[in-house]
Amino acid sequence: MIKSAIHVATALCAYLLAFQLVVWPDSTWWLSNGSVMTLGIAALYATLATAFELLLKSERSSWRYVSIHDAFDLFRTTVLTAVTFLVVSFLLFRAQETRSPPRP
């Protein structure tokens, strides 16, 4: 259980750090609605990463000696997390917007 909590915290911090490196908000941003949305998206990413970690069990052995099979499992978990996150975030935030004006 502690290991899962560490994974969630790591994924959450990684997403927030990546956001900070792209957009450097001022100190008042943390009190705005934008920060709530960003924290929600980070929580979504952390949840997906933890779910795939528990489902695929890519960290069940020691990493002192890594085989090709272990590296493939880690790659598979990473790709599935990223693709699922992109699809879910697209469906939540972008699919509602219209891209072109309505036809007459």
PDB file of N, CA and C in Angstrom:
ATOM      1  N   MET A   1       0.816  -1.191   0.000  1.00  0.00           N
ATOM      2  CA  MET A   1       0.000   0.000   0.000  1.00  0.00           C
ATOM      3  C   MET A   1       0.865   1.262   0.000  1.00  0.00           C
ATOM      4  N   ILE A   2       1.941   1.232   0.768  1.00  0.00           N
ATOM      5  CA  ILE A   2       2.830   2.389   0.812  1.00  0.00           C
ATOM      6  C   ILE A   2       3.490   2.589  -0.544  1.00  0.00           C
ATOM      7  N   LYS A   3       3.836   1.479  -1.190  1.00  0.00           N
ATOM      8  CA  LYS A   3       4.459   1.565  -2.514  1.00  0.00           C
ATOM      9  C   LYS A   3       3.510   2.225  -3.509  1.00  0.00           C
ATOM     10  N   SER A   4       2.234   1.904  -3.458  1.00  0.00           N
ATOM     11  CA  SER A   4       1.248   2.527  -4.349  1.00  0.00           C
ATOM     12  C   SER A   4       1.112   4.012  -4.055  1.00  0.00           C
ATOM     13  N   ALA A   5       1.129   4.380  -2.782  1.00  0.00           N
ATOM     14  CA  ALA A   5       1.046   5.797  -2.417  1.00  0.00           C
ATOM     15  C   ALA A   5       2.261   6.563  -2.925  1.00  0.00           C
ATOM     16  N   ILE A   6       3.414   5.941  -2.870  1.00  0.00           N
ATOM     17  CA  ILE A   6       4.626   6.585  -3.391  1.00  0.00           C
ATOM     18  C   ILE A   6       4.517   6.760  -4.903  1.00  0.00           C
ATOM     19  N   HIS A   7       3.969   5.773  -5.601  1.00  0.00           N
ATOM     20  CA  HIS A   7       3.789   5.880  -7.049  1.00  0.00           C
ATOM     21  C   HIS A   7       2.815   6.999  -7.403  1.00  0.00           C
ATOM     22  N   VAL A   8       1.724   7.105  -6.658  1.00  0.00           N
ATOM     23  CA  VAL A   8       0.753   8.173  -6.916  1.00  0.00           C
ATOM     24  C   VAL A   8       1.398   9.531  -6.682  1.00  0.00           C
ATOM     25  N   ALA A   9       2.110   9.675  -5.580  1.00  0.00           N
ATOM     26  CA  ALA A   9       2.759  10.952  -5.279  1.00  0.00           C
ATOM     27  C   ALA A   9       3.813  11.300  -6.325  1.00  0.00           C
ATOM     28  N   THR A  10       4.559  10.308  -6.786  1.00  0.00           N
ATOM     29  CA  THR A  10       5.579  10.548  -7.805  1.00  0.00           C
ATOM     30  C   THR A  10       4.957  10.979  -9.128  1.00  0.00           C
ATOM     31  N   ALA A  11       3.903  10.305  -9.554  1.00  0.00           N
ATOM     32  CA  ALA A  11       3.235  10.677 -10.805  1.00  0.00           C
ATOM     33  C   ALA A  11       2.614  12.065 -10.697  1.00  0.00           C
ATOM     34  N   LEU A  12       2.027  12.383  -9.558  1.00  0.00           N
ATOM     35  CA  LEU A  12       1.431  13.699  -9.350  1.00  0.00           C
ATOM     36  C   LEU A  12       2.496  14.788  -9.400  1.00  0.00           C
ATOM     37  N   CYS A  13       3.602  14.575  -8.715  1.00  0.00           N
ATOM     38  CA  CYS A  13       4.685  15.559  -8.721  1.00  0.00           C
ATOM     39  C   CYS A  13       5.316  15.697 -10.104  1.00  0.00           C
ATOM     40  N   ALA A  14       5.441  14.596 -10.828  1.00  0.00           N
ATOM     41  CA  ALA A  14       6.014  14.656 -12.177  1.00  0.00           C
ATOM     42  C   ALA A  14       5.147  15.496 -13.101  1.00  0.00           C
ATOM     43  N   TYR A  15       3.833  15.312 -13.029  1.00  0.00           N
ATOM     44  CA  TYR A  15       2.936  16.102 -13.876  1.00  0.00           C
ATOM     45  C   TYR A  15       3.007  17.573 -13.499  1.00  0.00           C
ATOM     46  N   LEU A  16       2.973  17.879 -12.209  1.00  0.00           N
ATOM     47  CA  LEU A  16       3.021  19.277 -11.782  1.00  0.00           C
ATOM     48  C   LEU A  16       4.353  19.923 -12.135  1.00  0.00           C
ATOM     49  N   LEU A  17       5.451  19.189 -12.020  1.00  0.00           N
ATOM     50  CA  LEU A  17       6.752  19.725 -12.398  1.00  0.00           C
ATOM     51  C   LEU A  17       6.812  19.987 -13.894  1.00  0.00           C
ATOM     52  N   ALA A  18       6.276  19.085 -14.692  1.00  0.00           N
ATOM     53  CA  ALA A  18       6.241  19.301 -16.145  1.00  0.00           C
ATOM     54  C   ALA A  18       5.403  20.525 -16.478  1.00  0.00           C
ATOM     55  N   PHE A  19       4.302  20.728 -15.772  1.00  0.00           N
ATOM     56  CA  PHE A  19       3.466  21.907 -15.993  1.00  0.00           C
ATOM     57  C   PHE A  19       4.229  23.171 -15.622  1.00  0.00           C
ATOM     58  N   GLN A  20       4.967  23.146 -14.528  1.00  0.00           N
ATOM     59  CA  GLN A  20       5.724  24.315 -14.094  1.00  0.00           C
ATOM     60  C   GLN A  20       6.841  24.650 -15.073  1.00  0.00           C
ATOM     61  N   LEU A  21       7.422  23.661 -15.714  1.00  0.00           N
ATOM     62  CA  LEU A  21       8.500  23.927 -16.661  1.00  0.00           C
ATOM     63  C   LEU A  21       7.987  24.549 -17.949  1.00  0.00           C
ATOM     64  N   VAL A  22       6.726  24.313 -18.288  1.00  0.00           N
ATOM     65  CA  VAL A  22       6.150  24.878 -19.507  1.00  0.00           C
ATOM     66  C   VAL A  22       5.518  26.232 -19.229  1.00  0.00           C
ATOM     67  N   VAL A  23       4.730  26.318 -18.190  1.00  0.00           N
ATOM     68  CA  VAL A  23       4.027  27.549 -17.829  1.00  0.00           C
ATOM     69  C   VAL A  23       4.478  27.929 -16.429  1.00  0.00           C
ATOM     70  N   TRP A  24       5.136  29.060 -16.308  1.00  0.00           N
ATOM     71  CA  TRP A  24       5.591  29.487 -14.997  1.00  0.00           C
ATOM     72  C   TRP A  24       4.595  30.493 -14.440  1.00  0.00           C
ATOM     73  N   PRO A  25       3.628  30.025 -13.642  1.00  0.00           N
ATOM     74  CA  PRO A  25       2.597  30.933 -13.144  1.00  0.00           C
ATOM     75  C   PRO A  25       3.105  31.800 -11.996  1.00  0.00           C
ATOM     76  N   ASP A  26       2.433  32.926 -11.797  1.00  0.00           N
ATOM     77  CA  ASP A  26       2.786  33.769 -10.664  1.00  0.00           C
ATOM     78  C   ASP A  26       2.182  33.185  -9.385  1.00  0.00           C
ATOM     79  N   SER A  27       2.469  33.815  -8.275  1.00  0.00           N
ATOM     80  CA  SER A  27       2.044  33.256  -6.986  1.00  0.00           C
ATOM     81  C   SER A  27       0.530  33.282  -6.794  1.00  0.00           C
ATOM     82  N   THR A  28      -0.186  34.176  -7.468  1.00  0.00           N
ATOM     83  CA  THR A  28      -1.642  34.228  -7.311  1.00  0.00           C
ATOM     84  C   THR A  28      -2.348  33.131  -8.109  1.00  0.00           C
ATOM     85  N   TRP A  29      -1.637  32.508  -9.039  1.00  0.00           N
ATOM     86  CA  TRP A  29      -2.250  31.454  -9.850  1.00  0.00           C
ATOM     87  C   TRP A  29      -2.713  30.286  -8.995  1.00  0.00           C
ATOM     88  N   TRP A  30      -1.979  29.988  -7.935  1.00  0.00           N
ATOM     89  CA  TRP A  30      -2.302  28.836  -7.096  1.00  0.00           C
ATOM     90  C   TRP A  30      -3.638  28.989  -6.380  1.00  0.00           C
ATOM     91  N   LEU A  31      -4.185  30.201  -6.356  1.00  0.00           N
ATOM     92  CA  LEU A  31      -5.483  30.434  -5.723  1.00  0.00           C
ATOM     93  C   LEU A  31      -6.610  30.542  -6.740  1.00  0.00           C
ATOM     94  N   SER A  32      -6.308  30.348  -8.010  1.00  0.00           N
ATOM     95  CA  SER A  32      -7.307  30.523  -9.064  1.00  0.00           C
ATOM     96  C   SER A  32      -7.938  29.189  -9.464  1.00  0.00           C
ATOM     97  N   ASN A  33      -8.928  29.275 -10.365  1.00  0.00           N
ATOM     98  CA  ASN A  33      -9.581  28.066 -10.875  1.00  0.00           C
ATOM     99  C   ASN A  33      -8.649  27.243 -11.757  1.00  0.00           C
ATOM    100  N   GLY A  34      -7.685  27.902 -12.390  1.00  0.00           N
ATOM    101  CA  GLY A  34      -6.734  27.180 -13.232  1.00  0.00           C
ATOM    102  C   GLY A  34      -5.904  26.174 -12.454  1.00  0.00           C
ATOM    103  N   SER A  35      -5.568  26.524 -11.224  1.00  0.00           N
ATOM    104  CA  SER A  35      -4.784  25.589 -10.410  1.00  0.00           C
ATOM    105  C   SER A  35      -5.616  24.373 -10.014  1.00  0.00           C
ATOM    106  N   VAL A  36      -6.894  24.584  -9.757  1.00  0.00           N
ATOM    107  CA  VAL A  36      -7.771  23.461  -9.410  1.00  0.00           C
ATOM    108  C   VAL A  36      -7.878  22.501 -10.590  1.00  0.00           C
ATOM    109  N   MET A  37      -8.004  23.048 -11.796  1.00  0.00           N
ATOM    110  CA  MET A  37      -8.095  22.205 -12.991  1.00  0.00           C
ATOM    111  C   MET A  37      -6.783  21.451 -13.219  1.00  0.00           C
ATOM    112  N   THR A  38      -5.659  22.135 -13.041  1.00  0.00           N
ATOM    113  CA  THR A  38      -4.365  21.488 -13.220  1.00  0.00           C
ATOM    114  C   THR A  38      -4.150  20.386 -12.194  1.00  0.00           C
ATOM    115  N   LEU A  39      -4.521  20.634 -10.951  1.00  0.00           N
ATOM    116  CA  LEU A  39      -4.392  19.596  -9.928  1.00  0.00           C
ATOM    117  C   LEU A  39      -5.317  18.417 -10.214  1.00  0.00           C
ATOM    118  N   GLY A  40      -6.491  18.687 -10.769  1.00  0.00           N
ATOM    119  CA  GLY A  40      -7.400  17.605 -11.147  1.00  0.00           C
ATOM    120  C   GLY A  40      -6.837  16.756 -12.267  1.00  0.00           C
ATOM    121  N   ILE A  41      -6.236  17.405 -13.258  1.00  0.00           N
ATOM    122  CA  ILE A  41      -5.619  16.669 -14.364  1.00  0.00           C
ATOM    123  C   ILE A  41      -4.429  15.858 -13.854  1.00  0.00           C
ATOM    124  N   ALA A  42      -3.648  16.445 -12.951  1.00  0.00           N
ATOM    125  CA  ALA A  42      -2.517  15.718 -12.372  1.00  0.00           C
ATOM    126  C   ALA A  42      -2.998  14.509 -11.580  1.00  0.00           C
ATOM    127  N   ALA A  43      -4.096  14.667 -10.860  1.00  0.00           N
ATOM    128  CA  ALA A  43      -4.658  13.536 -10.114  1.00  0.00           C
ATOM    129  C   ALA A  43      -5.159  12.448 -11.063  1.00  0.00           C
ATOM    130  N   LEU A  44      -5.737  12.851 -12.198  1.00  0.00           N
ATOM    131  CA  LEU A  44      -6.172  11.881 -13.211  1.00  0.00           C
ATOM    132  C   LEU A  44      -4.981  11.091 -13.739  1.00  0.00           C
ATOM    133  N   TYR A  45      -3.888  11.786 -14.054  1.00  0.00           N
ATOM    134  CA  TYR A  45      -2.690  11.118 -14.551  1.00  0.00           C
ATOM    135  C   TYR A  45      -2.124  10.161 -13.503  1.00  0.00           C
ATOM    136  N   ALA A  46      -2.063  10.616 -12.256  1.00  0.00           N
ATOM    137  CA  ALA A  46      -1.537   9.768 -11.185  1.00  0.00           C
ATOM    138  C   ALA A  46      -2.410   8.536 -10.981  1.00  0.00           C
ATOM    139  N   THR A  47      -3.711   8.705 -11.083  1.00  0.00           N
ATOM    140  CA  THR A  47      -4.628   7.573 -10.931  1.00  0.00           C
ATOM    141  C   THR A  47      -4.449   6.564 -12.056  1.00  0.00           C
ATOM    142  N   LEU A  48      -4.345   7.056 -13.292  1.00  0.00           N
ATOM    143  CA  LEU A  48      -4.137   6.148 -14.424  1.00  0.00           C
ATOM    144  C   LEU A  48      -2.799   5.417 -14.310  1.00  0.00           C
ATOM    145  N   ALA A  49      -1.756   6.146 -13.924  1.00  0.00           N
ATOM    146  CA  ALA A  49      -0.441   5.521 -13.787  1.00  0.00           C
ATOM    147  C   ALA A  49      -0.459   4.437 -12.716  1.00  0.00           C
ATOM    148  N   THR A  50      -1.127   4.713 -11.616  1.00  0.00           N
ATOM    149  CA  THR A  50      -1.215   3.719 -10.548  1.00  0.00           C
ATOM    150  C   THR A  50      -2.050   2.519 -10.973  1.00  0.00           C
ATOM    151  N   ALA A  51      -3.141   2.773 -11.674  1.00  0.00           N
ATOM    152  CA  ALA A  51      -3.998   1.670 -12.127  1.00  0.00           C
ATOM    153  C   ALA A  51      -3.243   0.736 -13.067  1.00  0.00           C
ATOM    154  N   PHE A  52      -2.511   1.306 -14.029  1.00  0.00           N
ATOM    155  CA  PHE A  52      -1.751   0.455 -14.945  1.00  0.00           C
ATOM    156  C   PHE A  52      -0.598  -0.237 -14.227  1.00  0.00           C
ATOM    157  N   GLU A  53      -0.011   0.433 -13.255  1.00  0.00           N
ATOM    158  CA  GLU A  53       1.066  -0.189 -12.482  1.00  0.00           C
ATOM    159  C   GLU A  53       0.551  -1.409 -11.721  1.00  0.00           C
ATOM    160  N   LEU A  54      -0.612  -1.263 -11.096  1.00  0.00           N
ATOM    161  CA  LEU A  54      -1.183  -2.383 -10.342  1.00  0.00           C
ATOM    162  C   LEU A  54      -1.720  -3.473 -11.260  1.00  0.00           C
ATOM    163  N   LEU A  55      -2.290  -3.069 -12.391  1.00  0.00           N
ATOM    164  CA  LEU A  55      -2.880  -4.032 -13.315  1.00  0.00           C
ATOM    165  C   LEU A  55      -1.819  -4.869 -14.029  1.00  0.00           C
ATOM    166  N   LEU A  56      -0.780  -4.216 -14.513  1.00  0.00           N
ATOM    167  CA  LEU A  56       0.238  -4.918 -15.300  1.00  0.00           C
ATOM    168  C   LEU A  56       1.406  -5.426 -14.461  1.00  0.00           C
ATOM    169  N   LYS A  57       1.525  -4.980 -13.231  1.00  0.00           N
ATOM    170  CA  LYS A  57       2.552  -5.444 -12.287  1.00  0.00           C
ATOM    171  C   LYS A  57       3.951  -5.396 -12.890  1.00  0.00           C
ATOM    172  N   SER A  58       4.323  -4.237 -13.380  1.00  0.00           N
ATOM    173  CA  SER A  58       5.630  -4.121 -14.023  1.00  0.00           C
ATOM    174  C   SER A  58       6.771  -3.997 -13.022  1.00  0.00           C
ATOM    175  N   GLU A  59       6.479  -3.784 -11.753  1.00  0.00           N
ATOM    176  CA  GLU A  59       7.537  -3.669 -10.751  1.00  0.00           C
ATOM    177  C   GLU A  59       7.457  -4.787  -9.736  1.00  0.00           C
ATOM    178  N   ARG A  60       7.415  -5.997 -10.171  1.00  0.00           N
ATOM    179  CA  ARG A  60       7.315  -7.105  -9.222  1.00  0.00           C
ATOM    180  C   ARG A  60       8.654  -7.768  -8.962  1.00  0.00           C
ATOM    181  N   SER A  61       9.704  -7.360  -9.655  1.00  0.00           N
ATOM    182  CA  SER A  61      11.008  -7.979  -9.443  1.00  0.00           C
ATOM    183  C   SER A  61      12.054  -6.901  -9.182  1.00  0.00           C
ATOM    184  N   SER A  62      13.198  -7.348  -8.736  1.00  0.00           N
ATOM    185  CA  SER A  62      14.299  -6.433  -8.465  1.00  0.00           C
ATOM    186  C   SER A  62      14.825  -5.842  -9.774  1.00  0.00           C
ATOM    187  N   TRP A  63      15.260  -4.590  -9.709  1.00  0.00           N
ATOM    188  CA  TRP A  63      15.755  -3.927 -10.919  1.00  0.00           C
ATOM    189  C   TRP A  63      17.279  -3.943 -10.998  1.00  0.00           C
ATOM    190  N   ARG A  64      17.920  -4.790 -10.212  1.00  0.00           N
ATOM    191  CA  ARG A  64      19.369  -4.858 -10.297  1.00  0.00           C
ATOM    192  C   ARG A  64      19.794  -5.473 -11.628  1.00  0.00           C
ATOM    193  N   TYR A  65      19.098  -6.516 -12.022  1.00  0.00           N
ATOM    194  CA  TYR A  65      19.341  -7.148 -13.314  1.00  0.00           C
ATOM    195  C   TYR A  65      18.047  -7.068 -14.109  1.00  0.00           C
ATOM    196  N   VAL A  66      18.053  -6.271 -15.135  1.00  0.00           N
ATOM    197  CA  VAL A  66      16.841  -6.044 -15.926  1.00  0.00           C
ATOM    198  C   VAL A  66      16.956  -6.811 -17.234  1.00  0.00           C
ATOM    199  N   SER A  67      15.938  -7.606 -17.509  1.00  0.00           N
ATOM    200  CA  SER A  67      15.916  -8.335 -18.773  1.00  0.00           C
ATOM    201  C   SER A  67      15.152  -7.525 -19.816  1.00  0.00           C
ATOM    202  N   ILE A  68      15.200  -7.987 -21.038  1.00  0.00           N
ATOM    203  CA  ILE A  68      14.448  -7.342 -22.111  1.00  0.00           C
ATOM    204  C   ILE A  68      12.954  -7.415 -21.817  1.00  0.00           C
ATOM    205  N   HIS A  69      12.514  -8.527 -21.250  1.00  0.00           N
ATOM    206  CA  HIS A  69      11.098  -8.684 -20.908  1.00  0.00           C
ATOM    207  C   HIS A  69      10.666  -7.638 -19.871  1.00  0.00           C
ATOM    208  N   ASP A  70      11.505  -7.395 -18.850  1.00  0.00           N
ATOM    209  CA  ASP A  70      11.185  -6.380 -17.841  1.00  0.00           C
ATOM    210  C   ASP A  70      11.140  -4.985 -18.454  1.00  0.00           C
ATOM    211  N   ALA A  71      12.090  -4.691 -19.332  1.00  0.00           N
ATOM    212  CA  ALA A  71      12.105  -3.381 -19.989  1.00  0.00           C
ATOM    213  C   ALA A  71      10.879  -3.206 -20.881  1.00  0.00           C
ATOM    214  N   PHE A  72      10.469  -4.270 -21.560  1.00  0.00           N
ATOM    215  CA  PHE A  72       9.269  -4.195 -22.392  1.00  0.00           C
ATOM    216  C   PHE A  72       8.024  -3.962 -21.542  1.00  0.00           C
ATOM    217  N   ASP A  73       7.944  -4.631 -20.389  1.00  0.00           N
ATOM    218  CA  ASP A  73       6.804  -4.421 -19.489  1.00  0.00           C
ATOM    219  C   ASP A  73       6.735  -2.977 -19.010  1.00  0.00           C
ATOM    220  N   LEU A  74       7.869  -2.406 -18.665  1.00  0.00           N
ATOM    221  CA  LEU A  74       7.900  -1.009 -18.234  1.00  0.00           C
ATOM    222  C   LEU A  74       7.513  -0.076 -19.378  1.00  0.00           C
ATOM    223  N   PHE A  75       8.013  -0.341 -20.579  1.00  0.00           N
ATOM    224  CA  PHE A  75       7.656   0.456 -21.754  1.00  0.00           C
ATOM    225  C   PHE A  75       6.159   0.361 -22.036  1.00  0.00           C
ATOM    226  N   ARG A  76       5.602  -0.847 -21.955  1.00  0.00           N
ATOM    227  CA  ARG A  76       4.176  -1.051 -22.198  1.00  0.00           C
ATOM    228  C   ARG A  76       3.328  -0.272 -21.194  1.00  0.00           C
ATOM    229  N   THR A  77       3.705  -0.314 -19.933  1.00  0.00           N
ATOM    230  CA  THR A  77       2.972   0.420 -18.904  1.00  0.00           C
ATOM    231  C   THR A  77       3.024   1.919 -19.162  1.00  0.00           C
ATOM    232  N   THR A  78       4.179   2.426 -19.532  1.00  0.00           N
ATOM    233  CA  THR A  78       4.340   3.855 -19.799  1.00  0.00           C
ATOM    234  C   THR A  78       3.514   4.293 -20.996  1.00  0.00           C
ATOM    235  N   VAL A  79       3.564   3.537 -22.071  1.00  0.00           N
ATOM    236  CA  VAL A  79       2.814   3.895 -23.277  1.00  0.00           C
ATOM    237  C   VAL A  79       1.309   3.818 -23.029  1.00  0.00           C
ATOM    238  N   LEU A  80       0.847   2.771 -22.370  1.00  0.00           N
ATOM    239  CA  LEU A  80      -0.586   2.655 -22.079  1.00  0.00           C
ATOM    240  C   LEU A  80      -1.074   3.791 -21.182  1.00  0.00           C
ATOM    241  N   THR A  81      -0.264   4.182 -20.208  1.00  0.00           N
ATOM    242  CA  THR A  81      -0.639   5.304 -19.344  1.00  0.00           C
ATOM    243  C   THR A  81      -0.743   6.591 -20.144  1.00  0.00           C
ATOM    244  N   ALA A  82       0.255   6.870 -20.978  1.00  0.00           N
ATOM    245  CA  ALA A  82       0.250   8.112 -21.752  1.00  0.00           C
ATOM    246  C   ALA A  82      -0.896   8.154 -22.758  1.00  0.00           C
ATOM    247  N   VAL A  83      -1.115   7.067 -23.478  1.00  0.00           N
ATOM    248  CA  VAL A  83      -2.183   7.045 -24.488  1.00  0.00           C
ATOM    249  C   VAL A  83      -3.557   7.154 -23.830  1.00  0.00           C
ATOM    250  N   THR A  84      -3.766   6.423 -22.750  1.00  0.00           N
ATOM    251  CA  THR A  84      -5.052   6.503 -22.052  1.00  0.00           C
ATOM    252  C   THR A  84      -5.282   7.894 -21.491  1.00  0.00           C
ATOM    253  N   PHE A  85      -4.239   8.508 -20.945  1.00  0.00           N
ATOM    254  CA  PHE A  85      -4.364   9.867 -20.417  1.00  0.00           C
ATOM    255  C   PHE A  85      -4.725  10.849 -21.529  1.00  0.00           C
ATOM    256  N   LEU A  86      -4.091  10.730 -22.677  1.00  0.00           N
ATOM    257  CA  LEU A  86      -4.404  11.631 -23.792  1.00  0.00           C
ATOM    258  C   LEU A  86      -5.834  11.462 -24.270  1.00  0.00           C
ATOM    259  N   VAL A  87      -6.296  10.235 -24.387  1.00  0.00           N
ATOM    260  CA  VAL A  87      -7.671   9.990 -24.845  1.00  0.00           C
ATOM    261  C   VAL A  87      -8.684  10.512 -23.828  1.00  0.00           C
ATOM    262  N   VAL A  88      -8.475  10.205 -22.556  1.00  0.00           N
ATOM    263  CA  VAL A  88      -9.421  10.646 -21.523  1.00  0.00           C
ATOM    264  C   VAL A  88      -9.428  12.163 -21.406  1.00  0.00           C
ATOM    265  N   SER A  89      -8.255  12.794 -21.415  1.00  0.00           N
ATOM    266  CA  SER A  89      -8.227  14.256 -21.308  1.00  0.00           C
ATOM    267  C   SER A  89      -8.826  14.909 -22.545  1.00  0.00           C
ATOM    268  N   PHE A  90      -8.650  14.317 -23.718  1.00  0.00           N
ATOM    269  CA  PHE A  90      -9.297  14.852 -24.916  1.00  0.00           C
ATOM    270  C   PHE A  90     -10.811  14.768 -24.789  1.00  0.00           C
ATOM    271  N   LEU A  91     -11.302  13.623 -24.353  1.00  0.00           N
ATOM    272  CA  LEU A  91     -12.750  13.456 -24.218  1.00  0.00           C
ATOM    273  C   LEU A  91     -13.335  14.375 -23.151  1.00  0.00           C
ATOM    274  N   LEU A  92     -12.581  14.652 -22.109  1.00  0.00           N
ATOM    275  CA  LEU A  92     -13.088  15.513 -21.042  1.00  0.00           C
ATOM    276  C   LEU A  92     -13.064  16.995 -21.400  1.00  0.00           C
ATOM    277  N   PHE A  93     -12.037  17.434 -22.127  1.00  0.00           N
ATOM    278  CA  PHE A  93     -11.834  18.868 -22.292  1.00  0.00           C
ATOM    279  C   PHE A  93     -11.966  19.383 -23.722  1.00  0.00           C
ATOM    280  N   ARG A  94     -11.649  18.594 -24.717  1.00  0.00           N
ATOM    281  CA  ARG A  94     -11.634  19.097 -26.088  1.00  0.00           C
ATOM    282  C   ARG A  94     -12.792  18.624 -26.946  1.00  0.00           C
ATOM    283  N   ALA A  95     -13.360  17.505 -26.642  1.00  0.00           N
ATOM    284  CA  ALA A  95     -14.413  16.949 -27.493  1.00  0.00           C
ATOM    285  C   ALA A  95     -15.684  17.782 -27.442  1.00  0.00           C
ATOM    286  N   GLN A  96     -15.840  18.602 -26.417  1.00  0.00           N
ATOM    287  CA  GLN A  96     -17.038  19.422 -26.283  1.00  0.00           C
ATOM    288  C   GLN A  96     -16.993  20.664 -27.161  1.00  0.00           C
ATOM    289  N   GLU A  97     -15.801  21.099 -27.529  1.00  0.00           N
ATOM    290  CA  GLU A  97     -15.647  22.327 -28.304  1.00  0.00           C
ATOM    291  C   GLU A  97     -15.887  22.068 -29.788  1.00  0.00           C
ATOM    292  N   THR A  98     -16.545  23.007 -30.436  1.00  0.00           N
ATOM    293  CA  THR A  98     -16.717  22.896 -31.884  1.00  0.00           C
ATOM    294  C   THR A  98     -15.509  23.510 -32.564  1.00  0.00           C
ATOM    295  N   ARG A  99     -15.078  22.911 -33.636  1.00  0.00           N
ATOM    296  CA  ARG A  99     -13.882  23.368 -34.336  1.00  0.00           C
ATOM    297  C   ARG A  99     -14.196  24.293 -35.507  1.00  0.00           C
ATOM    298  N   SER A 100     -15.353  24.164 -36.086  1.00  0.00           N
ATOM    299  CA  SER A 100     -15.685  24.987 -37.247  1.00  0.00           C
ATOM    300  C   SER A 100     -17.046  25.640 -37.019  1.00  0.00           C
ATOM    301  N   PRO A 101     -17.281  26.757 -37.684  1.00  0.00           N
ATOM    302  CA  PRO A 101     -18.579  27.425 -37.513  1.00  0.00           C
ATOM    303  C   PRO A 101     -19.700  26.591 -38.129  1.00  0.00           C
ATOM    304  N   PRO A 102     -20.900  26.718 -37.607  1.00  0.00           N
ATOM    305  CA  PRO A 102     -22.020  25.948 -38.166  1.00  0.00           C
ATOM    306  C   PRO A 102     -22.335  26.385 -39.591  1.00  0.00           C
ATOM    307  N   ARG A 103     -22.807  25.456 -40.379  1.00  0.00           N
ATOM    308  CA  ARG A 103     -23.159  25.761 -41.771  1.00  0.00           C
ATOM    309  C   ARG A 103     -24.528  26.428 -41.822  1.00  0.00           C
ATOM    310  N   PRO A 104     -24.701  27.339 -42.772  1.00  0.00           N
ATOM    311  CA  PRO A 104     -26.006  28.023 -42.872  1.00  0.00           C
ATOM    312  C   PRO A 104     -27.101  27.135 -43.419  1.00  0.00           C
TER     313      PRO A 104
END
